[in-house]
Amino acid sequence: MFTPKQYAYAATALGWEVEIIESVCLKEIAGKKFTFNHKGRELQKIVFEKHKFWELLIAKGFDPRAILDRDASFADVLGQAPYKTYGSYIKQYQRRDRAMQIDRECAFAACSYGSFQILGL
């Protein structure tokens, strides 16, 4: 969780009351850490959003359908609908890394990060 000073800073920066910031934090993170341990390393929690990746590629001038036509193995990272289940946090890193083979910038921007899962746009 955050310190009272961090809550106050966020409230001032956003122009909100401290209690609103605290309530959002309690609801969104419910005491959970924004990192996880993998083989002795603390990694930030991410969620790879394939539908966002699709949109970002189009905005950058790529044709995701043509990519899939050339290489169907990208189906796990390209799609117009969200995943039904996201899987483990390691799976999210694997998807992001696979998407980086198409476009690094879009792959990072298609992930949501940390406790609040803020999209990397």
PDB file of N, CA and C in Angstrom:
ATOM      1  N   MET A   1       0.844  -1.188   0.000  1.00  0.00           N
ATOM      2  CA  MET A   1       0.000   0.000   0.000  1.00  0.00           C
ATOM      3  C   MET A   1       0.885   1.245   0.000  1.00  0.00           C
ATOM      4  N   PHE A   2       0.235   2.371  -0.049  1.00  0.00           N
ATOM      5  CA  PHE A   2       0.943   3.627  -0.133  1.00  0.00           C
ATOM      6  C   PHE A   2       0.997   4.309   1.225  1.00  0.00           C
ATOM      7  N   THR A   3       1.935   5.210   1.372  1.00  0.00           N
ATOM      8  CA  THR A   3       2.057   5.977   2.609  1.00  0.00           C
ATOM      9  C   THR A   3       1.078   7.148   2.566  1.00  0.00           C
ATOM     10  N   PRO A   4       0.762   7.727   3.724  1.00  0.00           N
ATOM     11  CA  PRO A   4      -0.109   8.912   3.733  1.00  0.00           C
ATOM     12  C   PRO A   4       0.452  10.046   2.863  1.00  0.00           C
ATOM     13  N   LYS A   5       1.761  10.179   2.832  1.00  0.00           N
ATOM     14  CA  LYS A   5       2.394  11.220   2.021  1.00  0.00           C
ATOM     15  C   LYS A   5       2.157  10.955   0.522  1.00  0.00           C
ATOM     16  N   GLN A   6       2.228   9.688   0.118  1.00  0.00           N
ATOM     17  CA  GLN A   6       1.980   9.337  -1.281  1.00  0.00           C
ATOM     18  C   GLN A   6       0.522   9.582  -1.669  1.00  0.00           C
ATOM     19  N   TYR A   7      -0.395   9.242  -0.772  1.00  0.00           N
ATOM     20  CA  TYR A   7      -1.811   9.530  -1.024  1.00  0.00           C
ATOM     21  C   TYR A   7      -2.027  11.036  -1.190  1.00  0.00           C
ATOM     22  N   ALA A   8      -1.430  11.827  -0.304  1.00  0.00           N
ATOM     23  CA  ALA A   8      -1.580  13.277  -0.354  1.00  0.00           C
ATOM     24  C   ALA A   8      -1.000  13.838  -1.651  1.00  0.00           C
ATOM     25  N   TYR A   9       0.142  13.319  -2.062  1.00  0.00           N
ATOM     26  CA  TYR A   9       0.772  13.775  -3.301  1.00  0.00           C
ATOM     27  C   TYR A   9      -0.131  13.482  -4.504  1.00  0.00           C
ATOM     28  N   ALA A  10      -0.647  12.253  -4.558  1.00  0.00           N
ATOM     29  CA  ALA A  10      -1.533  11.872  -5.670  1.00  0.00           C
ATOM     30  C   ALA A  10      -2.789  12.733  -5.677  1.00  0.00           C
ATOM     31  N   ALA A  11      -3.354  12.968  -4.508  1.00  0.00           N
ATOM     32  CA  ALA A  11      -4.570  13.784  -4.423  1.00  0.00           C
ATOM     33  C   ALA A  11      -4.308  15.206  -4.910  1.00  0.00           C
ATOM     34  N   THR A  12      -3.192  15.764  -4.515  1.00  0.00           N
ATOM     35  CA  THR A  12      -2.839  17.122  -4.953  1.00  0.00           C
ATOM     36  C   THR A  12      -2.607  17.151  -6.464  1.00  0.00           C
ATOM     37  N   ALA A  13      -1.883  16.168  -6.976  1.00  0.00           N
ATOM     38  CA  ALA A  13      -1.572  16.121  -8.413  1.00  0.00           C
ATOM     39  C   ALA A  13      -2.829  15.988  -9.263  1.00  0.00           C
ATOM     40  N   LEU A  14      -3.811  15.249  -8.764  1.00  0.00           N
ATOM     41  CA  LEU A  14      -5.035  15.016  -9.523  1.00  0.00           C
ATOM     42  C   LEU A  14      -6.155  16.003  -9.195  1.00  0.00           C
ATOM     43  N   GLY A  15      -5.959  16.774  -8.120  1.00  0.00           N
ATOM     44  CA  GLY A  15      -7.005  17.700  -7.699  1.00  0.00           C
ATOM     45  C   GLY A  15      -8.178  16.987  -7.047  1.00  0.00           C
ATOM     46  N   TRP A  16      -7.894  15.848  -6.422  1.00  0.00           N
ATOM     47  CA  TRP A  16      -8.932  15.055  -5.771  1.00  0.00           C
ATOM     48  C   TRP A  16      -8.741  15.099  -4.259  1.00  0.00           C
ATOM     49  N   GLU A  17      -9.745  14.620  -3.541  1.00  0.00           N
ATOM     50  CA  GLU A  17      -9.622  14.486  -2.092  1.00  0.00           C
ATOM     51  C   GLU A  17      -8.825  13.216  -1.782  1.00  0.00           C
ATOM     52  N   VAL A  18      -8.080  13.267  -0.708  1.00  0.00           N
ATOM     53  CA  VAL A  18      -7.253  12.126  -0.304  1.00  0.00           C
ATOM     54  C   VAL A  18      -8.099  10.871  -0.140  1.00  0.00           C
ATOM     55  N   GLU A  19      -9.301  11.025   0.415  1.00  0.00           N
ATOM     56  CA  GLU A  19     -10.164   9.868   0.652  1.00  0.00           C
ATOM     57  C   GLU A  19     -10.563   9.170  -0.654  1.00  0.00           C
ATOM     58  N   ILE A  20     -10.708   9.934  -1.718  1.00  0.00           N
ATOM     59  CA  ILE A  20     -11.045   9.332  -3.015  1.00  0.00           C
ATOM     60  C   ILE A  20      -9.872   8.483  -3.501  1.00  0.00           C
ATOM     61  N   ILE A  21      -8.676   9.025  -3.394  1.00  0.00           N
ATOM     62  CA  ILE A  21      -7.473   8.282  -3.799  1.00  0.00           C
ATOM     63  C   ILE A  21      -7.358   6.994  -2.983  1.00  0.00           C
ATOM     64  N   GLU A  22      -7.546   7.097  -1.688  1.00  0.00           N
ATOM     65  CA  GLU A  22      -7.468   5.909  -0.827  1.00  0.00           C
ATOM     66  C   GLU A  22      -8.514   4.872  -1.223  1.00  0.00           C
ATOM     67  N   SER A  23      -9.739   5.320  -1.509  1.00  0.00           N
ATOM     68  CA  SER A  23     -10.809   4.394  -1.898  1.00  0.00           C
ATOM     69  C   SER A  23     -10.491   3.678  -3.201  1.00  0.00           C
ATOM     70  N   VAL A  24      -9.994   4.430  -4.184  1.00  0.00           N
ATOM     71  CA  VAL A  24      -9.627   3.821  -5.465  1.00  0.00           C
ATOM     72  C   VAL A  24      -8.533   2.787  -5.243  1.00  0.00           C
ATOM     73  N   CYS A  25      -7.542   3.128  -4.449  1.00  0.00           N
ATOM     74  CA  CYS A  25      -6.450   2.194  -4.173  1.00  0.00           C
ATOM     75  C   CYS A  25      -6.952   0.931  -3.485  1.00  0.00           C
ATOM     76  N   LEU A  26      -7.805   1.089  -2.499  1.00  0.00           N
ATOM     77  CA  LEU A  26      -8.332  -0.077  -1.799  1.00  0.00           C
ATOM     78  C   LEU A  26      -9.109  -0.985  -2.741  1.00  0.00           C
ATOM     79  N   LYS A  27      -9.887  -0.399  -3.618  1.00  0.00           N
ATOM     80  CA  LYS A  27     -10.685  -1.185  -4.556  1.00  0.00           C
ATOM     81  C   LYS A  27      -9.803  -1.850  -5.615  1.00  0.00           C
ATOM     82  N   GLU A  28      -8.882  -1.092  -6.191  1.00  0.00           N
ATOM     83  CA  GLU A  28      -8.089  -1.580  -7.321  1.00  0.00           C
ATOM     84  C   GLU A  28      -7.013  -2.585  -6.922  1.00  0.00           C
ATOM     85  N   ILE A  29      -6.317  -2.321  -5.838  1.00  0.00           N
ATOM     86  CA  ILE A  29      -5.191  -3.199  -5.524  1.00  0.00           C
ATOM     87  C   ILE A  29      -5.439  -4.107  -4.330  1.00  0.00           C
ATOM     88  N   ALA A  30      -6.409  -3.805  -3.529  1.00  0.00           N
ATOM     89  CA  ALA A  30      -6.823  -4.659  -2.409  1.00  0.00           C
ATOM     90  C   ALA A  30      -5.634  -5.296  -1.682  1.00  0.00           C
ATOM     91  N   GLY A  31      -4.584  -4.519  -1.469  1.00  0.00           N
ATOM     92  CA  GLY A  31      -3.433  -5.004  -0.725  1.00  0.00           C
ATOM     93  C   GLY A  31      -2.482  -5.894  -1.510  1.00  0.00           C
ATOM     94  N   LYS A  32      -2.730  -6.091  -2.793  1.00  0.00           N
ATOM     95  CA  LYS A  32      -1.870  -6.945  -3.612  1.00  0.00           C
ATOM     96  C   LYS A  32      -0.632  -6.177  -4.072  1.00  0.00           C
ATOM     97  N   LYS A  33       0.449  -6.904  -4.217  1.00  0.00           N
ATOM     98  CA  LYS A  33       1.673  -6.311  -4.730  1.00  0.00           C
ATOM     99  C   LYS A  33       1.574  -6.127  -6.239  1.00  0.00           C
ATOM    100  N   PHE A  34       2.336  -5.190  -6.773  1.00  0.00           N
ATOM    101  CA  PHE A  34       2.345  -4.986  -8.212  1.00  0.00           C
ATOM    102  C   PHE A  34       3.522  -5.698  -8.879  1.00  0.00           C
ATOM    103  N   THR A  35       4.184  -6.550  -8.101  1.00  0.00           N
ATOM    104  CA  THR A  35       5.263  -7.369  -8.646  1.00  0.00           C
ATOM    105  C   THR A  35       4.988  -8.825  -8.306  1.00  0.00           C
ATOM    106  N   PHE A  36       5.712  -9.721  -8.958  1.00  0.00           N
ATOM    107  CA  PHE A  36       5.649 -11.141  -8.640  1.00  0.00           C
ATOM    108  C   PHE A  36       7.055 -11.709  -8.752  1.00  0.00           C
ATOM    109  N   ASN A  37       7.267 -12.811  -8.082  1.00  0.00           N
ATOM    110  CA  ASN A  37       8.584 -13.440  -8.077  1.00  0.00           C
ATOM    111  C   ASN A  37       8.621 -14.544  -9.113  1.00  0.00           C
ATOM    112  N   HIS A  38       9.630 -14.485  -9.963  1.00  0.00           N
ATOM    113  CA  HIS A  38       9.832 -15.539 -10.958  1.00  0.00           C
ATOM    114  C   HIS A  38      11.300 -15.942 -10.931  1.00  0.00           C
ATOM    115  N   LYS A  39      11.542 -17.152 -10.481  1.00  0.00           N
ATOM    116  CA  LYS A  39      12.904 -17.697 -10.412  1.00  0.00           C
ATOM    117  C   LYS A  39      13.858 -16.764  -9.666  1.00  0.00           C
ATOM    118  N   GLY A  40      13.363 -16.230  -8.535  1.00  0.00           N
ATOM    119  CA  GLY A  40      14.187 -15.382  -7.691  1.00  0.00           C
ATOM    120  C   GLY A  40      14.257 -13.918  -8.111  1.00  0.00           C
ATOM    121  N   ARG A  41      13.553 -13.544  -9.155  1.00  0.00           N
ATOM    122  CA  ARG A  41      13.549 -12.153  -9.609  1.00  0.00           C
ATOM    123  C   ARG A  41      12.175 -11.548  -9.399  1.00  0.00           C
ATOM    124  N   GLU A  42      12.126 -10.318  -8.921  1.00  0.00           N
ATOM    125  CA  GLU A  42      10.863  -9.586  -8.795  1.00  0.00           C
ATOM    126  C   GLU A  42      10.591  -8.902 -10.124  1.00  0.00           C
ATOM    127  N   LEU A  43       9.476  -9.236 -10.728  1.00  0.00           N
ATOM    128  CA  LEU A  43       9.080  -8.649 -12.004  1.00  0.00           C
ATOM    129  C   LEU A  43       7.770  -7.890 -11.837  1.00  0.00           C
ATOM    130  N   GLN A  44       7.623  -6.821 -12.605  1.00  0.00           N
ATOM    131  CA  GLN A  44       6.390  -6.055 -12.584  1.00  0.00           C
ATOM    132  C   GLN A  44       5.275  -6.874 -13.232  1.00  0.00           C
ATOM    133  N   LYS A  45       4.087  -6.829 -12.647  1.00  0.00           N
ATOM    134  CA  LYS A  45       2.941  -7.503 -13.239  1.00  0.00           C
ATOM    135  C   LYS A  45       2.525  -6.748 -14.499  1.00  0.00           C
ATOM    136  N   ILE A  46       2.349  -7.500 -15.586  1.00  0.00           N
ATOM    137  CA  ILE A  46       1.842  -6.903 -16.818  1.00  0.00           C
ATOM    138  C   ILE A  46       0.719  -7.783 -17.357  1.00  0.00           C
ATOM    139  N   VAL A  47      -0.120  -7.187 -18.175  1.00  0.00           N
ATOM    140  CA  VAL A  47      -1.133  -7.932 -18.916  1.00  0.00           C
ATOM    141  C   VAL A  47      -1.010  -7.481 -20.366  1.00  0.00           C
ATOM    142  N   PHE A  48      -0.765  -8.437 -21.258  1.00  0.00           N
ATOM    143  CA  PHE A  48      -0.666  -8.129 -22.679  1.00  0.00           C
ATOM    144  C   PHE A  48      -2.072  -8.159 -23.274  1.00  0.00           C
ATOM    145  N   GLU A  49      -2.450  -7.068 -23.955  1.00  0.00           N
ATOM    146  CA  GLU A  49      -3.786  -6.926 -24.535  1.00  0.00           C
ATOM    147  C   GLU A  49      -3.694  -7.059 -26.051  1.00  0.00           C
ATOM    148  N   LYS A  50      -4.018  -8.255 -26.572  1.00  0.00           N
ATOM    149  CA  LYS A  50      -3.849  -8.496 -28.011  1.00  0.00           C
ATOM    150  C   LYS A  50      -4.743  -7.603 -28.859  1.00  0.00           C
ATOM    151  N   HIS A  51      -5.922  -7.273 -28.388  1.00  0.00           N
ATOM    152  CA  HIS A  51      -6.800  -6.399 -29.162  1.00  0.00           C
ATOM    153  C   HIS A  51      -6.243  -4.980 -29.239  1.00  0.00           C
ATOM    154  N   LYS A  52      -5.554  -4.537 -28.188  1.00  0.00           N
ATOM    155  CA  LYS A  52      -4.895  -3.231 -28.228  1.00  0.00           C
ATOM    156  C   LYS A  52      -3.698  -3.275 -29.172  1.00  0.00           C
ATOM    157  N   PHE A  53      -2.964  -4.380 -29.146  1.00  0.00           N
ATOM    158  CA  PHE A  53      -1.836  -4.556 -30.057  1.00  0.00           C
ATOM    159  C   PHE A  53      -2.324  -4.449 -31.503  1.00  0.00           C
ATOM    160  N   TRP A  54      -3.412  -5.116 -31.795  1.00  0.00           N
ATOM    161  CA  TRP A  54      -4.039  -5.079 -33.129  1.00  0.00           C
ATOM    162  C   TRP A  54      -4.323  -3.623 -33.532  1.00  0.00           C
ATOM    163  N   GLU A  55      -4.993  -2.876 -32.644  1.00  0.00           N
ATOM    164  CA  GLU A  55      -5.353  -1.482 -32.927  1.00  0.00           C
ATOM    165  C   GLU A  55      -4.123  -0.606 -33.131  1.00  0.00           C
ATOM    166  N   LEU A  56      -3.114  -0.813 -32.292  1.00  0.00           N
ATOM    167  CA  LEU A  56      -1.894  -0.017 -32.395  1.00  0.00           C
ATOM    168  C   LEU A  56      -1.145  -0.297 -33.694  1.00  0.00           C
ATOM    169  N   LEU A  57      -1.130  -1.553 -34.098  1.00  0.00           N
ATOM    170  CA  LEU A  57      -0.474  -1.895 -35.367  1.00  0.00           C
ATOM    171  C   LEU A  57      -1.171  -1.216 -36.544  1.00  0.00           C
ATOM    172  N   ILE A  58      -2.500  -1.251 -36.544  1.00  0.00           N
ATOM    173  CA  ILE A  58      -3.260  -0.596 -37.616  1.00  0.00           C
ATOM    174  C   ILE A  58      -2.948   0.904 -37.643  1.00  0.00           C
ATOM    175  N   ALA A  59      -2.942   1.519 -36.468  1.00  0.00           N
ATOM    176  CA  ALA A  59      -2.663   2.960 -36.380  1.00  0.00           C
ATOM    177  C   ALA A  59      -1.273   3.296 -36.908  1.00  0.00           C
ATOM    178  N   LYS A  60      -0.363   2.335 -36.825  1.00  0.00           N
ATOM    179  CA  LYS A  60       1.010   2.541 -37.276  1.00  0.00           C
ATOM    180  C   LYS A  60       1.198   2.138 -38.747  1.00  0.00           C
ATOM    181  N   GLY A  61       0.127   1.644 -39.374  1.00  0.00           N
ATOM    182  CA  GLY A  61       0.199   1.318 -40.789  1.00  0.00           C
ATOM    183  C   GLY A  61       0.413  -0.146 -41.116  1.00  0.00           C
ATOM    184  N   PHE A  62       0.400  -0.996 -40.112  1.00  0.00           N
ATOM    185  CA  PHE A  62       0.526  -2.440 -40.334  1.00  0.00           C
ATOM    186  C   PHE A  62      -0.842  -3.035 -40.654  1.00  0.00           C
ATOM    187  N   ASP A  63      -0.846  -4.172 -41.314  1.00  0.00           N
ATOM    188  CA  ASP A  63      -2.071  -4.929 -41.564  1.00  0.00           C
ATOM    189  C   ASP A  63      -1.977  -6.236 -40.783  1.00  0.00           C
ATOM    190  N   PRO A  64      -2.610  -6.305 -39.595  1.00  0.00           N
ATOM    191  CA  PRO A  64      -2.509  -7.515 -38.773  1.00  0.00           C
ATOM    192  C   PRO A  64      -3.002  -8.777 -39.489  1.00  0.00           C
ATOM    193  N   ARG A  65      -4.016  -8.645 -40.311  1.00  0.00           N
ATOM    194  CA  ARG A  65      -4.517  -9.827 -41.038  1.00  0.00           C
ATOM    195  C   ARG A  65      -3.446 -10.373 -41.987  1.00  0.00           C
ATOM    196  N   ALA A  66      -2.729  -9.487 -42.646  1.00  0.00           N
ATOM    197  CA  ALA A  66      -1.652  -9.917 -43.547  1.00  0.00           C
ATOM    198  C   ALA A  66      -0.532 -10.601 -42.767  1.00  0.00           C
ATOM    199  N   ILE A  67      -0.264 -10.110 -41.573  1.00  0.00           N
ATOM    200  CA  ILE A  67       0.755 -10.745 -40.727  1.00  0.00           C
ATOM    201  C   ILE A  67       0.318 -12.162 -40.391  1.00  0.00           C
ATOM    202  N   LEU A  68      -0.948 -12.328 -40.016  1.00  0.00           N
ATOM    203  CA  LEU A  68      -1.473 -13.659 -39.699  1.00  0.00           C
ATOM    204  C   LEU A  68      -1.488 -14.569 -40.923  1.00  0.00           C
ATOM    205  N   ASP A  69      -1.774 -14.007 -42.074  1.00  0.00           N
ATOM    206  CA  ASP A  69      -1.769 -14.812 -43.305  1.00  0.00           C
ATOM    207  C   ASP A  69      -0.367 -15.353 -43.592  1.00  0.00           C
ATOM    208  N   ARG A  70       0.653 -14.532 -43.325  1.00  0.00           N
ATOM    209  CA  ARG A  70       2.040 -14.958 -43.553  1.00  0.00           C
ATOM    210  C   ARG A  70       2.533 -15.929 -42.494  1.00  0.00           C
ATOM    211  N   ASP A  71       2.072 -15.721 -41.243  1.00  0.00           N
ATOM    212  CA  ASP A  71       2.570 -16.544 -40.140  1.00  0.00           C
ATOM    213  C   ASP A  71       1.467 -16.712 -39.088  1.00  0.00           C
ATOM    214  N   ALA A  72       0.754 -17.816 -39.175  1.00  0.00           N
ATOM    215  CA  ALA A  72      -0.381 -18.085 -38.281  1.00  0.00           C
ATOM    216  C   ALA A  72       0.044 -18.249 -36.821  1.00  0.00           C
ATOM    217  N   SER A  73       1.333 -18.439 -36.572  1.00  0.00           N
ATOM    218  CA  SER A  73       1.790 -18.620 -35.186  1.00  0.00           C
ATOM    219  C   SER A  73       1.636 -17.341 -34.364  1.00  0.00           C
ATOM    220  N   PHE A  74       1.386 -16.217 -35.025  1.00  0.00           N
ATOM    221  CA  PHE A  74       1.168 -14.968 -34.293  1.00  0.00           C
ATOM    222  C   PHE A  74      -0.267 -14.835 -33.774  1.00  0.00           C
ATOM    223  N   ALA A  75      -1.095 -15.839 -33.982  1.00  0.00           N
ATOM    224  CA  ALA A  75      -2.497 -15.777 -33.550  1.00  0.00           C
ATOM    225  C   ALA A  75      -2.621 -15.556 -32.041  1.00  0.00           C
ATOM    226  N   ASP A  76      -1.640 -15.989 -31.269  1.00  0.00           N
ATOM    227  CA  ASP A  76      -1.700 -15.819 -29.818  1.00  0.00           C
ATOM    228  C   ASP A  76      -1.504 -14.364 -29.390  1.00  0.00           C
ATOM    229  N   VAL A  77      -0.943 -13.530 -30.269  1.00  0.00           N
ATOM    230  CA  VAL A  77      -0.710 -12.133 -29.903  1.00  0.00           C
ATOM    231  C   VAL A  77      -1.488 -11.159 -30.775  1.00  0.00           C
ATOM    232  N   LEU A  78      -2.198 -11.676 -31.760  1.00  0.00           N
ATOM    233  CA  LEU A  78      -2.988 -10.824 -32.645  1.00  0.00           C
ATOM    234  C   LEU A  78      -4.450 -11.253 -32.611  1.00  0.00           C
ATOM    235  N   GLY A  79      -5.312 -10.328 -32.327  1.00  0.00           N
ATOM    236  CA  GLY A  79      -6.743 -10.608 -32.314  1.00  0.00           C
ATOM    237  C   GLY A  79      -7.511  -9.347 -32.023  1.00  0.00           C
ATOM    238  N   GLN A  80      -8.752  -9.318 -32.447  1.00  0.00           N
ATOM    239  CA  GLN A  80      -9.564  -8.128 -32.269  1.00  0.00           C
ATOM    240  C   GLN A  80     -10.385  -8.152 -30.988  1.00  0.00           C
ATOM    241  N   ALA A  81     -10.435  -9.281 -30.319  1.00  0.00           N
ATOM    242  CA  ALA A  81     -11.178  -9.395 -29.060  1.00  0.00           C
ATOM    243  C   ALA A  81     -10.204  -9.718 -27.928  1.00  0.00           C
ATOM    244  N   PRO A  82     -10.523  -9.279 -26.712  1.00  0.00           N
ATOM    245  CA  PRO A  82      -9.662  -9.615 -25.573  1.00  0.00           C
ATOM    246  C   PRO A  82      -9.591 -11.131 -25.359  1.00  0.00           C
ATOM    247  N   TYR A  83      -8.555 -11.560 -24.663  1.00  0.00           N
ATOM    248  CA  TYR A  83      -8.441 -12.967 -24.287  1.00  0.00           C
ATOM    249  C   TYR A  83      -9.599 -13.341 -23.375  1.00  0.00           C
ATOM    250  N   LYS A  84     -10.054 -14.579 -23.456  1.00  0.00           N
ATOM    251  CA  LYS A  84     -11.078 -15.054 -22.515  1.00  0.00           C
ATOM    252  C   LYS A  84     -10.447 -15.256 -21.145  1.00  0.00           C
ATOM    253  N   THR A  85      -9.235 -15.780 -21.133  1.00  0.00           N
ATOM    254  CA  THR A  85      -8.435 -15.864 -19.910  1.00  0.00           C
ATOM    255  C   THR A  85      -7.030 -15.403 -20.275  1.00  0.00           C
ATOM    256  N   TYR A  86      -6.408 -14.701 -19.364  1.00  0.00           N
ATOM    257  CA  TYR A  86      -5.100 -14.129 -19.658  1.00  0.00           C
ATOM    258  C   TYR A  86      -3.948 -15.057 -19.312  1.00  0.00           C
ATOM    259  N   GLY A  87      -4.121 -15.907 -18.323  1.00  0.00           N
ATOM    260  CA  GLY A  87      -3.032 -16.792 -17.929  1.00  0.00           C
ATOM    261  C   GLY A  87      -2.073 -16.117 -16.961  1.00  0.00           C
ATOM    262  N   SER A  88      -0.977 -16.777 -16.726  1.00  0.00           N
ATOM    263  CA  SER A  88      -0.002 -16.311 -15.739  1.00  0.00           C
ATOM    264  C   SER A  88       0.696 -15.026 -16.191  1.00  0.00           C
ATOM    265  N   TYR A  89       1.349 -14.385 -15.226  1.00  0.00           N
ATOM    266  CA  TYR A  89       2.100 -13.179 -15.562  1.00  0.00           C
ATOM    267  C   TYR A  89       3.284 -13.508 -16.468  1.00  0.00           C
ATOM    268  N   ILE A  90       3.866 -14.681 -16.302  1.00  0.00           N
ATOM    269  CA  ILE A  90       4.955 -15.096 -17.196  1.00  0.00           C
ATOM    270  C   ILE A  90       4.414 -15.246 -18.612  1.00  0.00           C
ATOM    271  N   LYS A  91       3.229 -15.793 -18.753  1.00  0.00           N
ATOM    272  CA  LYS A  91       2.609 -15.915 -20.078  1.00  0.00           C
ATOM    273  C   LYS A  91       2.454 -14.534 -20.721  1.00  0.00           C
ATOM    274  N   GLN A  92       2.162 -13.517 -19.912  1.00  0.00           N
ATOM    275  CA  GLN A  92       2.028 -12.163 -20.440  1.00  0.00           C
ATOM    276  C   GLN A  92       3.356 -11.653 -20.994  1.00  0.00           C
ATOM    277  N   TYR A  93       4.438 -11.953 -20.272  1.00  0.00           N
ATOM    278  CA  TYR A  93       5.769 -11.566 -20.757  1.00  0.00           C
ATOM    279  C   TYR A  93       6.101 -12.305 -22.051  1.00  0.00           C
ATOM    280  N   GLN A  94       5.745 -13.576 -22.109  1.00  0.00           N
ATOM    281  CA  GLN A  94       6.011 -14.347 -23.328  1.00  0.00           C
ATOM    282  C   GLN A  94       5.238 -13.778 -24.516  1.00  0.00           C
ATOM    283  N   ARG A  95       3.995 -13.390 -24.297  1.00  0.00           N
ATOM    284  CA  ARG A  95       3.199 -12.797 -25.366  1.00  0.00           C
ATOM    285  C   ARG A  95       3.793 -11.459 -25.807  1.00  0.00           C
ATOM    286  N   ARG A  96       4.137 -10.637 -24.825  1.00  0.00           N
ATOM    287  CA  ARG A  96       4.732  -9.345 -25.163  1.00  0.00           C
ATOM    288  C   ARG A  96       6.011  -9.532 -25.977  1.00  0.00           C
ATOM    289  N   ASP A  97       6.852 -10.459 -25.539  1.00  0.00           N
ATOM    290  CA  ASP A  97       8.101 -10.710 -26.251  1.00  0.00           C
ATOM    291  C   ASP A  97       7.848 -11.224 -27.666  1.00  0.00           C
ATOM    292  N   ARG A  98       6.848 -12.053 -27.832  1.00  0.00           N
ATOM    293  CA  ARG A  98       6.484 -12.554 -29.159  1.00  0.00           C
ATOM    294  C   ARG A  98       5.978 -11.398 -30.024  1.00  0.00           C
ATOM    295  N   ALA A  99       5.156 -10.531 -29.460  1.00  0.00           N
ATOM    296  CA  ALA A  99       4.635  -9.383 -30.186  1.00  0.00           C
ATOM    297  C   ALA A  99       5.757  -8.423 -30.583  1.00  0.00           C
ATOM    298  N   MET A 100       6.816  -8.354 -29.788  1.00  0.00           N
ATOM    299  CA  MET A 100       7.949  -7.489 -30.115  1.00  0.00           C
ATOM    300  C   MET A 100       8.607  -7.900 -31.424  1.00  0.00           C
ATOM    301  N   GLN A 101       8.432  -9.139 -31.852  1.00  0.00           N
ATOM    302  CA  GLN A 101       8.982  -9.581 -33.129  1.00  0.00           C
ATOM    303  C   GLN A 101       8.278  -8.874 -34.293  1.00  0.00           C
ATOM    304  N   ILE A 102       7.079  -8.399 -34.047  1.00  0.00           N
ATOM    305  CA  ILE A 102       6.339  -7.650 -35.063  1.00  0.00           C
ATOM    306  C   ILE A 102       6.667  -6.168 -34.929  1.00  0.00           C
ATOM    307  N   ASP A 103       6.476  -5.612 -33.734  1.00  0.00           N
ATOM    308  CA  ASP A 103       6.783  -4.202 -33.497  1.00  0.00           C
ATOM    309  C   ASP A 103       6.982  -3.975 -32.003  1.00  0.00           C
ATOM    310  N   ARG A 104       8.172  -3.573 -31.640  1.00  0.00           N
ATOM    311  CA  ARG A 104       8.546  -3.396 -30.229  1.00  0.00           C
ATOM    312  C   ARG A 104       7.705  -2.318 -29.546  1.00  0.00           C
ATOM    313  N   GLU A 105       7.584  -1.157 -30.166  1.00  0.00           N
ATOM    314  CA  GLU A 105       6.855  -0.048 -29.562  1.00  0.00           C
ATOM    315  C   GLU A 105       5.391  -0.421 -29.307  1.00  0.00           C
ATOM    316  N   CYS A 106       4.751  -1.009 -30.298  1.00  0.00           N
ATOM    317  CA  CYS A 106       3.345  -1.409 -30.142  1.00  0.00           C
ATOM    318  C   CYS A 106       3.194  -2.502 -29.092  1.00  0.00           C
ATOM    319  N   ALA A 107       4.156  -3.407 -29.022  1.00  0.00           N
ATOM    320  CA  ALA A 107       4.090  -4.491 -28.039  1.00  0.00           C
ATOM    321  C   ALA A 107       4.119  -3.938 -26.613  1.00  0.00           C
ATOM    322  N   PHE A 108       5.011  -2.994 -26.349  1.00  0.00           N
ATOM    323  CA  PHE A 108       5.075  -2.401 -25.017  1.00  0.00           C
ATOM    324  C   PHE A 108       3.830  -1.569 -24.714  1.00  0.00           C
ATOM    325  N   ALA A 109       3.338  -0.849 -25.717  1.00  0.00           N
ATOM    326  CA  ALA A 109       2.160  -0.005 -25.519  1.00  0.00           C
ATOM    327  C   ALA A 109       0.890  -0.814 -25.322  1.00  0.00           C
ATOM    328  N   ALA A 110       0.883  -2.067 -25.756  1.00  0.00           N
ATOM    329  CA  ALA A 110      -0.299  -2.923 -25.634  1.00  0.00           C
ATOM    330  C   ALA A 110      -0.363  -3.647 -24.291  1.00  0.00           C
ATOM    331  N   CYS A 111       0.555  -3.343 -23.402  1.00  0.00           N
ATOM    332  CA  CYS A 111       0.553  -3.958 -22.069  1.00  0.00           C
ATOM    333  C   CYS A 111       0.010  -2.972 -21.050  1.00  0.00           C
ATOM    334  N   SER A 112      -0.696  -3.516 -20.073  1.00  0.00           N
ATOM    335  CA  SER A 112      -1.065  -2.704 -18.927  1.00  0.00           C
ATOM    336  C   SER A 112      -0.139  -3.111 -17.789  1.00  0.00           C
ATOM    337  N   TYR A 113       0.189  -2.138 -16.950  1.00  0.00           N
ATOM    338  CA  TYR A 113       1.275  -2.299 -15.986  1.00  0.00           C
ATOM    339  C   TYR A 113       0.846  -2.023 -14.559  1.00  0.00           C
ATOM    340  N   GLY A 114       1.443  -2.753 -13.632  1.00  0.00           N
ATOM    341  CA  GLY A 114       1.366  -2.461 -12.214  1.00  0.00           C
ATOM    342  C   GLY A 114       0.020  -2.719 -11.568  1.00  0.00           C
ATOM    343  N   SER A 115      -0.097  -2.205 -10.371  1.00  0.00           N
ATOM    344  CA  SER A 115      -1.282  -2.449  -9.546  1.00  0.00           C
ATOM    345  C   SER A 115      -2.570  -1.989 -10.199  1.00  0.00           C
ATOM    346  N   PHE A 116      -2.531  -0.877 -10.894  1.00  0.00           N
ATOM    347  CA  PHE A 116      -3.736  -0.329 -11.485  1.00  0.00           C
ATOM    348  C   PHE A 116      -3.918  -0.766 -12.931  1.00  0.00           C
ATOM    349  N   GLN A 117      -2.972  -1.567 -13.425  1.00  0.00           N
ATOM    350  CA  GLN A 117      -3.022  -2.048 -14.804  1.00  0.00           C
ATOM    351  C   GLN A 117      -3.251  -0.889 -15.768  1.00  0.00           C
ATOM    352  N   ILE A 118      -2.359   0.080 -15.712  1.00  0.00           N
ATOM    353  CA  ILE A 118      -2.430   1.254 -16.572  1.00  0.00           C
ATOM    354  C   ILE A 118      -1.855   0.886 -17.926  1.00  0.00           C
ATOM    355  N   LEU A 119      -2.653   1.089 -18.958  1.00  0.00           N
ATOM    356  CA  LEU A 119      -2.240   0.745 -20.311  1.00  0.00           C
ATOM    357  C   LEU A 119      -1.074   1.607 -20.748  1.00  0.00           C
ATOM    358  N   GLY A 120      -0.110   0.992 -21.411  1.00  0.00           N
ATOM    359  CA  GLY A 120       1.133   1.665 -21.785  1.00  0.00           C
ATOM    360  C   GLY A 120       1.040   2.560 -22.995  1.00  0.00           C
ATOM    361  N   LEU A 121      -0.089   3.175 -23.232  1.00  0.00           N
ATOM    362  CA  LEU A 121      -0.218   4.053 -24.400  1.00  0.00           C
ATOM    363  C   LEU A 121       0.412   5.387 -24.174  1.00  0.00           C
TER     364      LEU A 121
END
